[in-house]
Every structure is written in C-alpha cells, then in structure tokens.
Amino acid sequence: MGATPDIAVLDQLIKQRIDELLPQKMEEKLAQMTAKKTPSMTIIATKGTLDWAYPPFILASTGAALGWDVSIFFTFYGLNLLKKDISDLKISPLGNPGMPMKMPFGPAWFKNINWNIPNAVQAVIPGFETLATALMKQTIKNTGVAEIAELRSVCVESGVKLIGCQMTVDLFGFSQADFIPEAKEFCGAARFLPMAQQADVSLFI
C-alpha cells in the first residue's frame, strides 16, 4: 500500500487549485453578466426652448434604437417638452453667444453669413425672438431635420420613459392633465437620483 498523503499538504493543494480557478471563474461569470445586461441611460432635461429641446430627444431616441433602457427626467422649464402642444416652443438668441443667426433663404453666399447681432440690438427690437424662432423653424424644414413633436413620438414608440418632476409641476401650478398621456410617471429627485446612479450613462441638459 502507498503512503497516506499528508492531510495538511492535501488541503494546501486544494486551496491552491481553488485560488487558481476562482478568479478565472469569477471573470467569466462577470463577463457573462455584463454581456446579458441591457445598457441604461438617464437624461435630465431642464430647458424648454426649441433649440434645447433637440438634445434630450435625439440622445434618447438614439439610445433606444441601440436597445438601451432610456429615461428622461423633465424638470423646471424642461416640463414644457411634455406639454400636449409644443408647437409654440421658441428659441432665445438673447445672451446666447454660441448662436449666430443664419438666414434660411437667398443665395448660398447670403445663407452662409453669420449674423452676429449684438445683445443690445436684440433686446430693443420688438418681436426679435419670434423672428429668430421663425428663421430657425424654416432652417429645420429646409434641412429635413425632424421636428420636436416627431422626435418625441419616436421616443414614445421606442419605449423611452418620460418622467415629469412632481415638485416642478406643483411649483408652476401645472396639473398632470396638461401633459401628454405617455408621461405616466411623476416623481421627485429622491426617486429619480437612484435611477441615475445605477445608469451606465447619465446626462444633464
């Protein structure tokens, strides 16, 4: 009969083998879990002008098209983007140095001019905001860019969760009936922040 193996040596060999295999198995398991996990994105939309309405809906619809789980939290003026009628959204060029005015009509050389109109001039011209909005809408139409209502519909159809800030609703005296029925959830920051914490991508707009 062969010699009986030393129990201590045998335990040490078993432990060593486990130590070798465990990290590998854990890495494999983690890789499998990561591969199965659906990426998620949360967006906080705080602005309600025509130009600032595009980023949250473009990013959300793109994320949804990639198969991500996407939620948008509309707070303060961002709640305007959840209203039933958003045809009256305007832009505010006043105080926006990153927004040179371009004309959506005329010959190419004319349309390529950046009309950097001073704030002092914008502030004293009656109806300047309405004019700037009309020019922006015409530019959107000319270039074939989807309108905000279309982008919002794409988000809804793609399963993007539209969440309204209940505190802002109360602050501005809105009622949930003022908003589209697809905005089914209204909550506060305490409910939304844990969602943002767990998301793979979280954006503030």
Protein backbone atom coordinates (compact mmCIF):
# COMPACT_ATOMS: atom_id res chain seq x y z
CA MET A 1 0.00 0.00 0.00
CA GLY A 2 1.14 3.53 -0.82
CA ALA A 3 1.87 6.14 1.79
CA THR A 4 -1.12 8.06 3.12
CA PRO A 5 -0.94 11.68 1.84
CA ASP A 6 -0.41 14.33 4.45
CA ILE A 7 -3.79 15.97 5.16
CA ALA A 8 -2.22 19.41 5.55
CA VAL A 9 -0.44 19.10 2.21
CA LEU A 10 -3.65 17.90 0.55
CA ASP A 11 -5.61 20.85 1.97
CA GLN A 12 -2.94 23.23 0.73
CA LEU A 13 -3.07 21.76 -2.78
CA ILE A 14 -6.87 22.01 -2.87
CA LYS A 15 -6.75 25.61 -1.65
CA GLN A 16 -4.12 26.50 -4.23
CA ARG A 17 -6.22 24.98 -7.02
CA ILE A 18 -9.31 26.87 -5.86
CA ASP A 19 -7.33 30.11 -5.73
CA GLU A 20 -6.21 29.50 -9.32
CA LEU A 21 -9.67 28.71 -10.65
CA LEU A 22 -11.81 31.16 -8.66
CA PRO A 23 -10.62 34.43 -10.27
CA GLN A 24 -10.96 32.89 -13.71
CA LYS A 25 -14.49 31.66 -12.99
CA MET A 26 -15.46 35.00 -11.47
CA GLU A 27 -14.14 36.87 -14.51
CA GLU A 28 -16.04 34.56 -16.83
CA LYS A 29 -19.22 34.96 -14.79
CA LEU A 30 -18.82 38.74 -14.70
CA ALA A 31 -18.28 38.83 -18.46
CA GLN A 32 -21.42 36.76 -18.98
CA MET A 33 -23.45 39.04 -16.71
CA THR A 34 -22.11 42.14 -18.45
CA ALA A 35 -22.94 40.72 -21.86
CA LYS A 36 -26.52 39.99 -20.79
CA LYS A 37 -27.08 43.36 -19.11
CA THR A 38 -29.08 45.95 -21.05
CA PRO A 39 -27.23 49.31 -21.10
CA SER A 40 -29.17 52.14 -19.50
CA MET A 41 -29.18 55.92 -19.83
CA THR A 42 -30.86 58.67 -17.84
CA ILE A 43 -31.22 62.24 -19.06
CA ILE A 44 -32.19 65.29 -17.02
CA ALA A 45 -33.89 67.84 -19.30
CA THR A 46 -34.03 71.29 -17.71
CA LYS A 47 -34.63 73.64 -20.65
CA GLY A 48 -37.79 74.23 -22.66
CA THR A 49 -36.75 76.23 -25.70
CA LEU A 50 -36.90 74.98 -29.27
CA ASP A 51 -33.14 74.60 -29.68
CA TRP A 52 -32.62 72.95 -26.29
CA ALA A 53 -35.47 70.50 -26.93
CA TYR A 54 -33.41 68.65 -29.52
CA PRO A 55 -30.53 67.21 -27.42
CA PRO A 56 -32.59 65.11 -24.95
CA PHE A 57 -34.90 63.68 -27.60
CA ILE A 58 -32.11 62.98 -30.11
CA LEU A 59 -29.94 61.26 -27.50
CA ALA A 60 -32.88 59.34 -26.02
CA SER A 61 -34.19 58.10 -29.37
CA THR A 62 -30.68 57.08 -30.42
CA GLY A 63 -30.11 55.21 -27.17
CA ALA A 64 -33.44 53.42 -27.55
CA ALA A 65 -32.54 52.49 -31.15
CA LEU A 66 -29.38 50.86 -29.77
CA GLY A 67 -31.52 48.76 -27.45
CA TRP A 68 -30.77 50.75 -24.32
CA ASP A 69 -33.15 51.34 -21.43
CA VAL A 70 -33.65 55.13 -21.52
CA SER A 71 -35.41 57.53 -19.13
CA ILE A 72 -35.76 61.31 -19.36
CA PHE A 73 -36.49 63.37 -16.24
CA PHE A 74 -38.13 66.68 -17.20
CA THR A 75 -37.69 69.35 -14.56
CA PHE A 76 -38.27 73.11 -14.36
CA TYR A 77 -38.60 74.56 -17.88
CA GLY A 78 -37.94 71.14 -19.34
CA LEU A 79 -41.55 70.32 -18.45
CA ASN A 80 -42.57 72.40 -21.47
CA LEU A 81 -41.37 69.49 -23.61
CA LEU A 82 -44.05 67.25 -22.11
CA LYS A 83 -46.96 69.54 -22.87
CA LYS A 84 -49.60 68.31 -25.29
CA ASP A 85 -48.99 71.23 -27.63
CA ILE A 86 -45.33 72.07 -28.22
CA SER A 87 -45.82 73.96 -31.48
CA ASP A 88 -45.23 77.24 -29.65
CA LEU A 89 -41.69 76.44 -28.50
CA LYS A 90 -39.34 79.35 -29.19
CA ILE A 91 -35.64 80.00 -29.17
CA SER A 92 -33.94 82.72 -27.19
CA PRO A 93 -30.91 84.09 -29.03
CA LEU A 94 -30.50 86.83 -26.42
CA GLY A 95 -27.40 86.09 -24.34
CA ASN A 96 -26.50 83.06 -26.44
CA PRO A 97 -23.07 83.80 -27.97
CA GLY A 98 -22.89 80.31 -29.45
CA MET A 99 -25.84 81.00 -31.73
CA PRO A 100 -25.03 83.14 -34.78
CA MET A 101 -28.08 83.87 -36.90
CA LYS A 102 -28.15 82.35 -40.39
CA MET A 103 -30.78 83.04 -43.00
CA PRO A 104 -32.73 80.07 -44.39
CA PHE A 105 -33.35 81.76 -47.73
CA GLY A 106 -31.48 83.54 -50.51
CA PRO A 107 -28.33 82.60 -52.47
CA ALA A 108 -25.65 80.42 -50.87
CA TRP A 109 -23.31 83.31 -50.08
CA PHE A 110 -26.13 85.09 -48.24
CA LYS A 111 -27.16 81.99 -46.25
CA ASN A 112 -23.55 81.40 -45.19
CA ILE A 113 -23.24 84.77 -43.46
CA ASN A 114 -23.15 84.58 -39.64
CA TRP A 115 -25.36 87.40 -38.45
CA ASN A 116 -23.81 88.02 -35.03
CA ILE A 117 -26.35 90.54 -33.83
CA PRO A 118 -25.35 92.29 -30.58
CA ASN A 119 -27.48 91.58 -27.49
CA ALA A 120 -28.18 95.30 -27.13
CA VAL A 121 -29.82 95.29 -30.57
CA GLN A 122 -31.76 92.06 -29.94
CA ALA A 123 -33.13 93.41 -26.68
CA VAL A 124 -34.68 96.55 -28.20
CA ILE A 125 -36.15 95.12 -31.42
CA PRO A 126 -39.80 94.15 -30.82
CA GLY A 127 -40.58 90.58 -31.84
CA PHE A 128 -36.94 89.61 -32.35
CA GLU A 129 -37.42 86.29 -30.53
CA THR A 130 -40.42 85.45 -32.72
CA LEU A 131 -38.43 86.32 -35.84
CA ALA A 132 -35.46 84.18 -34.71
CA THR A 133 -37.83 81.28 -33.99
CA ALA A 134 -39.42 81.55 -37.44
CA LEU A 135 -35.99 81.55 -39.08
CA MET A 136 -34.92 78.51 -37.05
CA LYS A 137 -38.09 76.59 -37.95
CA GLN A 138 -37.56 77.39 -41.62
CA THR A 139 -33.96 76.18 -41.38
CA ILE A 140 -35.15 72.94 -39.77
CA LYS A 141 -37.68 72.46 -42.54
CA ASN A 142 -35.16 73.24 -45.30
CA THR A 143 -32.63 70.72 -44.00
CA GLY A 144 -35.17 67.95 -43.41
CA VAL A 145 -34.45 67.69 -39.68
CA ALA A 146 -37.30 66.09 -37.73
CA GLU A 147 -39.48 68.43 -35.70
CA ILE A 148 -39.62 68.11 -31.92
CA ALA A 149 -43.06 66.51 -31.97
CA GLU A 150 -41.77 63.82 -34.33
CA LEU A 151 -38.71 63.11 -32.20
CA ARG A 152 -40.85 62.89 -29.10
CA SER A 153 -43.16 60.41 -30.84
CA VAL A 154 -40.16 58.30 -31.83
CA CYS A 155 -39.05 58.25 -28.19
CA VAL A 156 -42.51 57.17 -27.05
CA GLU A 157 -42.72 54.43 -29.69
CA SER A 158 -39.22 53.24 -28.75
CA GLY A 159 -40.15 52.80 -25.10
CA VAL A 160 -38.29 55.78 -23.64
CA LYS A 161 -39.68 56.56 -20.18
CA LEU A 162 -40.85 60.17 -19.92
CA ILE A 163 -40.81 61.24 -16.27
CA GLY A 164 -42.06 64.59 -15.00
CA CYS A 165 -40.72 66.35 -11.91
CA GLN A 166 -43.61 66.48 -9.43
CA MET A 167 -42.05 69.33 -7.46
CA THR A 168 -41.89 71.49 -10.59
CA VAL A 169 -45.47 70.59 -11.51
CA ASP A 170 -46.57 71.83 -8.09
CA LEU A 171 -44.30 74.88 -8.24
CA PHE A 172 -45.68 76.17 -11.54
CA GLY A 173 -49.26 75.16 -10.83
CA PHE A 174 -49.48 72.58 -13.59
CA SER A 175 -51.67 69.52 -13.50
CA GLN A 176 -50.79 66.14 -14.95
CA ALA A 177 -53.63 66.64 -17.42
CA ASP A 178 -51.54 69.40 -19.07
CA PHE A 179 -49.08 66.82 -20.34
CA ILE A 180 -49.17 64.04 -22.90
CA PRO A 181 -50.65 60.77 -21.57
CA GLU A 182 -47.39 58.94 -22.36
CA ALA A 183 -45.79 60.82 -19.45
CA LYS A 184 -47.17 58.33 -16.97
CA GLU A 185 -44.77 58.87 -14.09
CA PHE A 186 -44.26 61.98 -11.97
CA CYS A 187 -41.80 61.89 -9.11
CA GLY A 188 -39.21 63.87 -7.20
CA ALA A 189 -35.44 63.91 -7.21
CA ALA A 190 -35.28 61.32 -4.42
CA ARG A 191 -36.96 58.80 -6.71
CA PHE A 192 -35.01 59.69 -9.85
CA LEU A 193 -31.46 60.02 -8.48
CA PRO A 194 -31.11 56.31 -7.57
CA MET A 195 -32.12 55.53 -11.16
CA ALA A 196 -29.41 57.88 -12.43
CA GLN A 197 -26.87 56.36 -10.04
CA GLN A 198 -27.46 52.89 -11.45
CA ALA A 199 -27.43 54.01 -15.10
CA ASP A 200 -24.46 53.36 -17.35
CA VAL A 201 -24.79 56.86 -18.83
CA SER A 202 -26.32 59.86 -17.07
CA LEU A 203 -26.61 63.26 -18.77
CA PHE A 204 -27.68 66.73 -17.62
CA ILE A 205 -29.06 69.01 -20.33
